[in-house]
Amino acid sequence: MFTGTAVFDILLPGDSRSRKAKRSYVRPIVAALQRLSVCCAEVGALDLVGRAELGVAVVSGEHSHVQEVLDSCEKLVAGRYEVELLSVQRRVFGPQD
């Protein structure tokens, strides 16, 4: 069994000056990621209105499948025109870890 995690650090547009505005950008991204059969949540930068950190987790029996799913998640977030992807931290854990 292999598990993979990714944390996406994203910069939100300048008009997201309130938590309500922040949620209006984060909620659709989380929903889109969840359609890829991953667990996803906002995991960091909760007090910052111009930034968000989204965490993704996936479990599979094959290492290559975990990598493919994480690649798809990264493409999805990077392809969102309304936000800027600043960094991605990825980790994959296998049976020996």
PDB file of N, CA and C in Angstrom:
ATOM      1  N   MET A   1       0.845  -1.175   0.000  1.00  0.00           N
ATOM      2  CA  MET A   1       0.000   0.000   0.000  1.00  0.00           C
ATOM      3  C   MET A   1       0.890   1.238   0.000  1.00  0.00           C
ATOM      4  N   PHE A   2       0.527   2.226  -0.807  1.00  0.00           N
ATOM      5  CA  PHE A   2       1.270   3.477  -0.904  1.00  0.00           C
ATOM      6  C   PHE A   2       0.331   4.635  -0.603  1.00  0.00           C
ATOM      7  N   THR A   3       0.822   5.605   0.120  1.00  0.00           N
ATOM      8  CA  THR A   3       0.064   6.825   0.385  1.00  0.00           C
ATOM      9  C   THR A   3       0.873   8.006  -0.119  1.00  0.00           C
ATOM     10  N   GLY A   4       0.184   8.960  -0.657  1.00  0.00           N
ATOM     11  CA  GLY A   4       0.846  10.164  -1.148  1.00  0.00           C
ATOM     12  C   GLY A   4       0.158  11.391  -0.607  1.00  0.00           C
ATOM     13  N   THR A   5       0.954  12.392  -0.317  1.00  0.00           N
ATOM     14  CA  THR A   5       0.406  13.665   0.150  1.00  0.00           C
ATOM     15  C   THR A   5       1.024  14.800  -0.651  1.00  0.00           C
ATOM     16  N   ALA A   6       0.282  15.865  -0.777  1.00  0.00           N
ATOM     17  CA  ALA A   6       0.779  17.074  -1.410  1.00  0.00           C
ATOM     18  C   ALA A   6       0.168  18.272  -0.693  1.00  0.00           C
ATOM     19  N   VAL A   7       0.970  19.307  -0.522  1.00  0.00           N
ATOM     20  CA  VAL A   7       0.489  20.564   0.052  1.00  0.00           C
ATOM     21  C   VAL A   7       0.750  21.646  -0.983  1.00  0.00           C
ATOM     22  N   PHE A   8      -0.309  22.313  -1.387  1.00  0.00           N
ATOM     23  CA  PHE A   8      -0.236  23.378  -2.386  1.00  0.00           C
ATOM     24  C   PHE A   8      -0.340  24.728  -1.691  1.00  0.00           C
ATOM     25  N   ASP A   9       0.658  25.554  -1.874  1.00  0.00           N
ATOM     26  CA  ASP A   9       0.653  26.911  -1.340  1.00  0.00           C
ATOM     27  C   ASP A   9       0.203  27.820  -2.473  1.00  0.00           C
ATOM     28  N   ILE A  10      -0.951  28.466  -2.307  1.00  0.00           N
ATOM     29  CA  ILE A  10      -1.491  29.281  -3.394  1.00  0.00           C
ATOM     30  C   ILE A  10      -1.691  30.728  -2.939  1.00  0.00           C
ATOM     31  N   LEU A  11      -1.481  31.614  -3.897  1.00  0.00           N
ATOM     32  CA  LEU A  11      -1.687  33.043  -3.699  1.00  0.00           C
ATOM     33  C   LEU A  11      -3.027  33.401  -4.312  1.00  0.00           C
ATOM     34  N   LEU A  12      -3.866  34.037  -3.515  1.00  0.00           N
ATOM     35  CA  LEU A  12      -5.201  34.413  -3.958  1.00  0.00           C
ATOM     36  C   LEU A  12      -5.172  35.824  -4.542  1.00  0.00           C
ATOM     37  N   PRO A  13      -6.152  36.178  -5.372  1.00  0.00           N
ATOM     38  CA  PRO A  13      -6.187  37.516  -5.963  1.00  0.00           C
ATOM     39  C   PRO A  13      -6.294  38.617  -4.915  1.00  0.00           C
ATOM     40  N   GLY A  14      -5.971  39.819  -5.310  1.00  0.00           N
ATOM     41  CA  GLY A  14      -5.979  40.966  -4.416  1.00  0.00           C
ATOM     42  C   GLY A  14      -7.339  41.308  -3.846  1.00  0.00           C
ATOM     43  N   ASP A  15      -8.411  40.875  -4.513  1.00  0.00           N
ATOM     44  CA  ASP A  15      -9.744  41.214  -4.002  1.00  0.00           C
ATOM     45  C   ASP A  15     -10.226  40.268  -2.912  1.00  0.00           C
ATOM     46  N   SER A  16      -9.392  39.321  -2.511  1.00  0.00           N
ATOM     47  CA  SER A  16      -9.793  38.394  -1.439  1.00  0.00           C
ATOM     48  C   SER A  16      -9.315  38.935  -0.092  1.00  0.00           C
ATOM     49  N   ARG A  17      -9.907  40.027   0.326  1.00  0.00           N
ATOM     50  CA  ARG A  17      -9.509  40.711   1.562  1.00  0.00           C
ATOM     51  C   ARG A  17     -10.287  40.264   2.788  1.00  0.00           C
ATOM     52  N   SER A  18     -11.224  39.358   2.597  1.00  0.00           N
ATOM     53  CA  SER A  18     -11.997  38.845   3.738  1.00  0.00           C
ATOM     54  C   SER A  18     -11.999  37.330   3.693  1.00  0.00           C
ATOM     55  N   ARG A  19     -12.355  36.728   4.798  1.00  0.00           N
ATOM     56  CA  ARG A  19     -12.419  35.260   4.831  1.00  0.00           C
ATOM     57  C   ARG A  19     -13.520  34.732   3.918  1.00  0.00           C
ATOM     58  N   LYS A  20     -14.584  35.499   3.792  1.00  0.00           N
ATOM     59  CA  LYS A  20     -15.676  35.096   2.903  1.00  0.00           C
ATOM     60  C   LYS A  20     -15.200  35.080   1.453  1.00  0.00           C
ATOM     61  N   ALA A  21     -14.448  36.089   1.063  1.00  0.00           N
ATOM     62  CA  ALA A  21     -13.906  36.141  -0.296  1.00  0.00           C
ATOM     63  C   ALA A  21     -12.896  35.019  -0.505  1.00  0.00           C
ATOM     64  N   LYS A  22     -12.091  34.751   0.518  1.00  0.00           N
ATOM     65  CA  LYS A  22     -11.112  33.667   0.443  1.00  0.00           C
ATOM     66  C   LYS A  22     -11.824  32.341   0.190  1.00  0.00           C
ATOM     67  N   ARG A  23     -12.882  32.087   0.932  1.00  0.00           N
ATOM     68  CA  ARG A  23     -13.634  30.841   0.761  1.00  0.00           C
ATOM     69  C   ARG A  23     -14.216  30.724  -0.644  1.00  0.00           C
ATOM     70  N   SER A  24     -14.584  31.863  -1.243  1.00  0.00           N
ATOM     71  CA  SER A  24     -15.163  31.808  -2.588  1.00  0.00           C
ATOM     72  C   SER A  24     -14.147  31.342  -3.629  1.00  0.00           C
ATOM     73  N   TYR A  25     -12.859  31.487  -3.348  1.00  0.00           N
ATOM     74  CA  TYR A  25     -11.821  30.976  -4.237  1.00  0.00           C
ATOM     75  C   TYR A  25     -11.414  29.552  -3.865  1.00  0.00           C
ATOM     76  N   VAL A  26     -11.341  29.269  -2.572  1.00  0.00           N
ATOM     77  CA  VAL A  26     -10.843  27.971  -2.106  1.00  0.00           C
ATOM     78  C   VAL A  26     -11.868  26.862  -2.320  1.00  0.00           C
ATOM     79  N   ARG A  27     -13.118  27.122  -2.040  1.00  0.00           N
ATOM     80  CA  ARG A  27     -14.166  26.094  -2.108  1.00  0.00           C
ATOM     81  C   ARG A  27     -14.244  25.408  -3.478  1.00  0.00           C
ATOM     82  N   PRO A  28     -14.248  26.141  -4.602  1.00  0.00           N
ATOM     83  CA  PRO A  28     -14.314  25.448  -5.899  1.00  0.00           C
ATOM     84  C   PRO A  28     -13.075  24.613  -6.211  1.00  0.00           C
ATOM     85  N   ILE A  29     -11.913  25.038  -5.735  1.00  0.00           N
ATOM     86  CA  ILE A  29     -10.695  24.266  -5.972  1.00  0.00           C
ATOM     87  C   ILE A  29     -10.748  22.962  -5.191  1.00  0.00           C
ATOM     88  N   VAL A  30     -11.176  23.030  -3.931  1.00  0.00           N
ATOM     89  CA  VAL A  30     -11.306  21.821  -3.110  1.00  0.00           C
ATOM     90  C   VAL A  30     -12.312  20.867  -3.749  1.00  0.00           C
ATOM     91  N   ALA A  31     -13.423  21.376  -4.225  1.00  0.00           N
ATOM     92  CA  ALA A  31     -14.440  20.531  -4.856  1.00  0.00           C
ATOM     93  C   ALA A  31     -13.892  19.859  -6.117  1.00  0.00           C
ATOM     94  N   ALA A  32     -13.128  20.595  -6.914  1.00  0.00           N
ATOM     95  CA  ALA A  32     -12.537  20.030  -8.128  1.00  0.00           C
ATOM     96  C   ALA A  32     -11.522  18.938  -7.791  1.00  0.00           C
ATOM     97  N   LEU A  33     -10.722  19.166  -6.754  1.00  0.00           N
ATOM     98  CA  LEU A  33      -9.748  18.154  -6.340  1.00  0.00           C
ATOM     99  C   LEU A  33     -10.444  16.900  -5.830  1.00  0.00           C
ATOM    100  N   GLN A  34     -11.526  17.055  -5.102  1.00  0.00           N
ATOM    101  CA  GLN A  34     -12.244  15.903  -4.568  1.00  0.00           C
ATOM    102  C   GLN A  34     -12.837  15.045  -5.669  1.00  0.00           C
ATOM    103  N   ARG A  35     -13.106  15.623  -6.838  1.00  0.00           N
ATOM    104  CA  ARG A  35     -13.598  14.839  -7.976  1.00  0.00           C
ATOM    105  C   ARG A  35     -12.521  13.898  -8.520  1.00  0.00           C
ATOM    106  N   LEU A  36     -11.268  14.107  -8.112  1.00  0.00           N
ATOM    107  CA  LEU A  36     -10.181  13.208  -8.517  1.00  0.00           C
ATOM    108  C   LEU A  36     -10.012  12.045  -7.536  1.00  0.00           C
ATOM    109  N   SER A  37     -10.988  11.849  -6.664  1.00  0.00           N
ATOM    110  CA  SER A  37     -10.983  10.760  -5.667  1.00  0.00           C
ATOM    111  C   SER A  37      -9.828  10.864  -4.687  1.00  0.00           C
ATOM    112  N   VAL A  38      -9.602  12.070  -4.196  1.00  0.00           N
ATOM    113  CA  VAL A  38      -8.610  12.308  -3.156  1.00  0.00           C
ATOM    114  C   VAL A  38      -9.295  12.977  -1.977  1.00  0.00           C
ATOM    115  N   CYS A  39      -8.641  12.920  -0.840  1.00  0.00           N
ATOM    116  CA  CYS A  39      -9.107  13.692   0.309  1.00  0.00           C
ATOM    117  C   CYS A  39      -8.417  15.044   0.232  1.00  0.00           C
ATOM    118  N   CYS A  40      -9.157  16.102   0.433  1.00  0.00           N
ATOM    119  CA  CYS A  40      -8.604  17.444   0.286  1.00  0.00           C
ATOM    120  C   CYS A  40      -9.213  18.361   1.331  1.00  0.00           C
ATOM    121  N   ALA A  41      -8.360  19.268   1.856  1.00  0.00           N
ATOM    122  CA  ALA A  41      -8.833  20.247   2.830  1.00  0.00           C
ATOM    123  C   ALA A  41      -7.871  21.424   2.861  1.00  0.00           C
ATOM    124  N   GLU A  42      -8.370  22.547   3.340  1.00  0.00           N
ATOM    125  CA  GLU A  42      -7.503  23.691   3.593  1.00  0.00           C
ATOM    126  C   GLU A  42      -6.760  23.398   4.891  1.00  0.00           C
ATOM    127  N   VAL A  43      -5.431  23.364   4.827  1.00  0.00           N
ATOM    128  CA  VAL A  43      -4.647  22.894   5.971  1.00  0.00           C
ATOM    129  C   VAL A  43      -3.713  23.936   6.558  1.00  0.00           C
ATOM    130  N   GLY A  44      -3.571  25.077   5.934  1.00  0.00           N
ATOM    131  CA  GLY A  44      -2.646  26.078   6.461  1.00  0.00           C
ATOM    132  C   GLY A  44      -3.009  27.465   5.989  1.00  0.00           C
ATOM    133  N   ALA A  45      -2.300  28.443   6.527  1.00  0.00           N
ATOM    134  CA  ALA A  45      -2.516  29.858   6.217  1.00  0.00           C
ATOM    135  C   ALA A  45      -3.968  30.254   6.471  1.00  0.00           C
ATOM    136  N   LEU A  46      -4.541  29.696   7.514  1.00  0.00           N
ATOM    137  CA  LEU A  46      -5.950  29.939   7.795  1.00  0.00           C
ATOM    138  C   LEU A  46      -6.233  31.379   8.198  1.00  0.00           C
ATOM    139  N   ASP A  47      -5.278  32.041   8.809  1.00  0.00           N
ATOM    140  CA  ASP A  47      -5.480  33.426   9.234  1.00  0.00           C
ATOM    141  C   ASP A  47      -5.085  34.446   8.172  1.00  0.00           C
ATOM    142  N   LEU A  48      -4.449  33.993   7.103  1.00  0.00           N
ATOM    143  CA  LEU A  48      -4.042  34.903   6.037  1.00  0.00           C
ATOM    144  C   LEU A  48      -5.112  34.929   4.959  1.00  0.00           C
ATOM    145  N   VAL A  49      -5.591  36.118   4.613  1.00  0.00           N
ATOM    146  CA  VAL A  49      -6.676  36.187   3.638  1.00  0.00           C
ATOM    147  C   VAL A  49      -6.176  36.117   2.201  1.00  0.00           C
ATOM    148  N   GLY A  50      -4.929  36.435   1.943  1.00  0.00           N
ATOM    149  CA  GLY A  50      -4.408  36.418   0.580  1.00  0.00           C
ATOM    150  C   GLY A  50      -3.707  35.136   0.194  1.00  0.00           C
ATOM    151  N   ARG A  51      -3.634  34.176   1.108  1.00  0.00           N
ATOM    152  CA  ARG A  51      -2.936  32.913   0.859  1.00  0.00           C
ATOM    153  C   ARG A  51      -3.790  31.752   1.348  1.00  0.00           C
ATOM    154  N   ALA A  52      -3.511  30.587   0.797  1.00  0.00           N
ATOM    155  CA  ALA A  52      -4.173  29.363   1.259  1.00  0.00           C
ATOM    156  C   ALA A  52      -3.226  28.195   1.043  1.00  0.00           C
ATOM    157  N   GLU A  53      -3.296  27.224   1.922  1.00  0.00           N
ATOM    158  CA  GLU A  53      -2.577  25.969   1.754  1.00  0.00           C
ATOM    159  C   GLU A  53      -3.610  24.852   1.712  1.00  0.00           C
ATOM    160  N   LEU A  54      -3.570  24.093   0.628  1.00  0.00           N
ATOM    161  CA  LEU A  54      -4.493  22.984   0.458  1.00  0.00           C
ATOM    162  C   LEU A  54      -3.724  21.686   0.547  1.00  0.00           C
ATOM    163  N   GLY A  55      -4.212  20.762   1.344  1.00  0.00           N
ATOM    164  CA  GLY A  55      -3.589  19.458   1.492  1.00  0.00           C
ATOM    165  C   GLY A  55      -4.398  18.401   0.776  1.00  0.00           C
ATOM    166  N   VAL A  56      -3.682  17.472   0.129  1.00  0.00           N
ATOM    167  CA  VAL A  56      -4.303  16.389  -0.626  1.00  0.00           C
ATOM    168  C   VAL A  56      -3.676  15.079  -0.177  1.00  0.00           C
ATOM    169  N   ALA A  57      -4.482  14.044  -0.038  1.00  0.00           N
ATOM    170  CA  ALA A  57      -3.979  12.713   0.312  1.00  0.00           C
ATOM    171  C   ALA A  57      -4.632  11.675  -0.591  1.00  0.00           C
ATOM    172  N   VAL A  58      -3.825  10.686  -0.978  1.00  0.00           N
ATOM    173  CA  VAL A  58      -4.310   9.605  -1.840  1.00  0.00           C
ATOM    174  C   VAL A  58      -3.677   8.298  -1.379  1.00  0.00           C
ATOM    175  N   VAL A  59      -4.429   7.206  -1.512  1.00  0.00           N
ATOM    176  CA  VAL A  59      -3.951   5.872  -1.148  1.00  0.00           C
ATOM    177  C   VAL A  59      -4.174   4.949  -2.342  1.00  0.00           C
ATOM    178  N   SER A  60      -3.163   4.112  -2.634  1.00  0.00           N
ATOM    179  CA  SER A  60      -3.275   3.176  -3.744  1.00  0.00           C
ATOM    180  C   SER A  60      -2.380   1.973  -3.497  1.00  0.00           C
ATOM    181  N   GLY A  61      -2.618   0.937  -4.241  1.00  0.00           N
ATOM    182  CA  GLY A  61      -1.789  -0.249  -4.157  1.00  0.00           C
ATOM    183  C   GLY A  61      -0.521  -0.155  -4.983  1.00  0.00           C
ATOM    184  N   GLU A  62      -0.440   0.865  -5.852  1.00  0.00           N
ATOM    185  CA  GLU A  62       0.718   1.017  -6.738  1.00  0.00           C
ATOM    186  C   GLU A  62       1.324   2.404  -6.602  1.00  0.00           C
ATOM    187  N   HIS A  63       2.633   2.442  -6.555  1.00  0.00           N
ATOM    188  CA  HIS A  63       3.361   3.706  -6.441  1.00  0.00           C
ATOM    189  C   HIS A  63       3.082   4.602  -7.650  1.00  0.00           C
ATOM    190  N   SER A  64       3.055   4.031  -8.842  1.00  0.00           N
ATOM    191  CA  SER A  64       2.852   4.829 -10.055  1.00  0.00           C
ATOM    192  C   SER A  64       1.479   5.495 -10.070  1.00  0.00           C
ATOM    193  N   HIS A  65       0.467   4.816  -9.534  1.00  0.00           N
ATOM    194  CA  HIS A  65      -0.871   5.407  -9.498  1.00  0.00           C
ATOM    195  C   HIS A  65      -0.917   6.611  -8.559  1.00  0.00           C
ATOM    196  N   VAL A  66      -0.239   6.498  -7.422  1.00  0.00           N
ATOM    197  CA  VAL A  66      -0.178   7.632  -6.490  1.00  0.00           C
ATOM    198  C   VAL A  66       0.471   8.825  -7.177  1.00  0.00           C
ATOM    199  N   GLN A  67       1.576   8.590  -7.893  1.00  0.00           N
ATOM    200  CA  GLN A  67       2.262   9.675  -8.597  1.00  0.00           C
ATOM    201  C   GLN A  67       1.363  10.300  -9.662  1.00  0.00           C
ATOM    202  N   GLU A  68       0.634   9.481 -10.404  1.00  0.00           N
ATOM    203  CA  GLU A  68      -0.270   9.988 -11.444  1.00  0.00           C
ATOM    204  C   GLU A  68      -1.363  10.872 -10.847  1.00  0.00           C
ATOM    205  N   VAL A  69      -1.939  10.435  -9.747  1.00  0.00           N
ATOM    206  CA  VAL A  69      -3.012  11.206  -9.112  1.00  0.00           C
ATOM    207  C   VAL A  69      -2.470  12.532  -8.586  1.00  0.00           C
ATOM    208  N   LEU A  70      -1.300  12.505  -7.940  1.00  0.00           N
ATOM    209  CA  LEU A  70      -0.710  13.748  -7.442  1.00  0.00           C
ATOM    210  C   LEU A  70      -0.342  14.682  -8.586  1.00  0.00           C
ATOM    211  N   ASP A  71       0.130  14.123  -9.709  1.00  0.00           N
ATOM    212  CA  ASP A  71       0.410  14.945 -10.894  1.00  0.00           C
ATOM    213  C   ASP A  71      -0.867  15.616 -11.401  1.00  0.00           C
ATOM    214  N   SER A  72      -1.963  14.861 -11.428  1.00  0.00           N
ATOM    215  CA  SER A  72      -3.249  15.417 -11.878  1.00  0.00           C
ATOM    216  C   SER A  72      -3.714  16.532 -10.954  1.00  0.00           C
ATOM    217  N   CYS A  73      -3.530  16.342  -9.661  1.00  0.00           N
ATOM    218  CA  CYS A  73      -3.915  17.376  -8.695  1.00  0.00           C
ATOM    219  C   CYS A  73      -3.092  18.646  -8.916  1.00  0.00           C
ATOM    220  N   GLU A  74      -1.792  18.471  -9.122  1.00  0.00           N
ATOM    221  CA  GLU A  74      -0.928  19.626  -9.328  1.00  0.00           C
ATOM    222  C   GLU A  74      -1.299  20.370 -10.612  1.00  0.00           C
ATOM    223  N   LYS A  75      -1.593  19.635 -11.674  1.00  0.00           N
ATOM    224  CA  LYS A  75      -2.016  20.271 -12.933  1.00  0.00           C
ATOM    225  C   LYS A  75      -3.317  21.042 -12.744  1.00  0.00           C
ATOM    226  N   LEU A  76      -4.241  20.458 -11.988  1.00  0.00           N
ATOM    227  CA  LEU A  76      -5.524  21.116 -11.754  1.00  0.00           C
ATOM    228  C   LEU A  76      -5.331  22.439 -11.026  1.00  0.00           C
ATOM    229  N   VAL A  77      -4.551  22.427  -9.951  1.00  0.00           N
ATOM    230  CA  VAL A  77      -4.347  23.653  -9.173  1.00  0.00           C
ATOM    231  C   VAL A  77      -3.559  24.677  -9.991  1.00  0.00           C
ATOM    232  N   ALA A  78      -2.516  24.236 -10.688  1.00  0.00           N
ATOM    233  CA  ALA A  78      -1.704  25.158 -11.487  1.00  0.00           C
ATOM    234  C   ALA A  78      -2.502  25.748 -12.646  1.00  0.00           C
ATOM    235  N   GLY A  79      -3.508  25.027 -13.108  1.00  0.00           N
ATOM    236  CA  GLY A  79      -4.315  25.492 -14.225  1.00  0.00           C
ATOM    237  C   GLY A  79      -5.430  26.452 -13.853  1.00  0.00           C
ATOM    238  N   ARG A  80      -5.627  26.690 -12.584  1.00  0.00           N
ATOM    239  CA  ARG A  80      -6.670  27.631 -12.162  1.00  0.00           C
ATOM    240  C   ARG A  80      -6.192  29.051 -12.428  1.00  0.00           C
ATOM    241  N   TYR A  81      -6.877  29.753 -13.290  1.00  0.00           N
ATOM    242  CA  TYR A  81      -6.446  31.086 -13.694  1.00  0.00           C
ATOM    243  C   TYR A  81      -6.598  32.138 -12.593  1.00  0.00           C
ATOM    244  N   GLU A  82      -7.490  31.887 -11.636  1.00  0.00           N
ATOM    245  CA  GLU A  82      -7.764  32.903 -10.619  1.00  0.00           C
ATOM    246  C   GLU A  82      -6.769  32.901  -9.464  1.00  0.00           C
ATOM    247  N   VAL A  83      -5.938  31.871  -9.356  1.00  0.00           N
ATOM    248  CA  VAL A  83      -4.954  31.792  -8.269  1.00  0.00           C
ATOM    249  C   VAL A  83      -3.579  31.523  -8.864  1.00  0.00           C
ATOM    250  N   GLU A  84      -2.543  31.762  -8.055  1.00  0.00           N
ATOM    251  CA  GLU A  84      -1.176  31.479  -8.469  1.00  0.00           C
ATOM    252  C   GLU A  84      -0.598  30.407  -7.547  1.00  0.00           C
ATOM    253  N   LEU A  85      -0.124  29.327  -8.134  1.00  0.00           N
ATOM    254  CA  LEU A  85       0.492  28.252  -7.370  1.00  0.00           C
ATOM    255  C   LEU A  85       1.925  28.650  -7.044  1.00  0.00           C
ATOM    256  N   LEU A  86       2.218  28.820  -5.751  1.00  0.00           N
ATOM    257  CA  LEU A  86       3.544  29.261  -5.324  1.00  0.00           C
ATOM    258  C   LEU A  86       4.507  28.092  -5.116  1.00  0.00           C
ATOM    259  N   SER A  87       4.032  27.026  -4.480  1.00  0.00           N
ATOM    260  CA  SER A  87       4.900  25.869  -4.242  1.00  0.00           C
ATOM    261  C   SER A  87       4.066  24.621  -4.004  1.00  0.00           C
ATOM    262  N   VAL A  88       4.734  23.486  -4.174  1.00  0.00           N
ATOM    263  CA  VAL A  88       4.114  22.191  -3.936  1.00  0.00           C
ATOM    264  C   VAL A  88       5.099  21.343  -3.146  1.00  0.00           C
ATOM    265  N   GLN A  89       4.628  20.736  -2.082  1.00  0.00           N
ATOM    266  CA  GLN A  89       5.436  19.792  -1.306  1.00  0.00           C
ATOM    267  C   GLN A  89       4.763  18.429  -1.416  1.00  0.00           C
ATOM    268  N   ARG A  90       5.489  17.465  -1.988  1.00  0.00           N
ATOM    269  CA  ARG A  90       4.930  16.129  -2.204  1.00  0.00           C
ATOM    270  C   ARG A  90       5.737  15.085  -1.448  1.00  0.00           C
ATOM    271  N   ARG A  91       5.027  14.081  -0.948  1.00  0.00           N
ATOM    272  CA  ARG A  91       5.678  12.939  -0.290  1.00  0.00           C
ATOM    273  C   ARG A  91       4.877  11.681  -0.625  1.00  0.00           C
ATOM    274  N   VAL A  92       5.605  10.606  -0.844  1.00  0.00           N
ATOM    275  CA  VAL A  92       4.974   9.300  -1.068  1.00  0.00           C
ATOM    276  C   VAL A  92       5.580   8.333  -0.063  1.00  0.00           C
ATOM    277  N   PHE A  93       4.717   7.614   0.617  1.00  0.00           N
ATOM    278  CA  PHE A  93       5.140   6.636   1.611  1.00  0.00           C
ATOM    279  C   PHE A  93       4.771   5.242   1.120  1.00  0.00           C
ATOM    280  N   GLY A  94       5.697   4.309   1.281  1.00  0.00           N
ATOM    281  CA  GLY A  94       5.464   2.937   0.870  1.00  0.00           C
ATOM    282  C   GLY A  94       5.501   1.989   2.046  1.00  0.00           C
ATOM    283  N   PRO A  95       5.456   0.681   1.772  1.00  0.00           N
ATOM    284  CA  PRO A  95       5.445  -0.308   2.853  1.00  0.00           C
ATOM    285  C   PRO A  95       6.702  -0.290   3.709  1.00  0.00           C
ATOM    286  N   GLN A  96       7.810   0.116   3.159  1.00  0.00           N
ATOM    287  CA  GLN A  96       9.070   0.120   3.904  1.00  0.00           C
ATOM    288  C   GLN A  96       9.224   1.359   4.778  1.00  0.00           C
ATOM    289  N   ASP A  97       8.363   2.353   4.670  1.00  0.00           N
ATOM    290  CA  ASP A  97       8.507   3.600   5.441  1.00  0.00           C
ATOM    291  C   ASP A  97       7.918   3.475   6.821  1.00  0.00           C
TER     292      ASP A  97
END
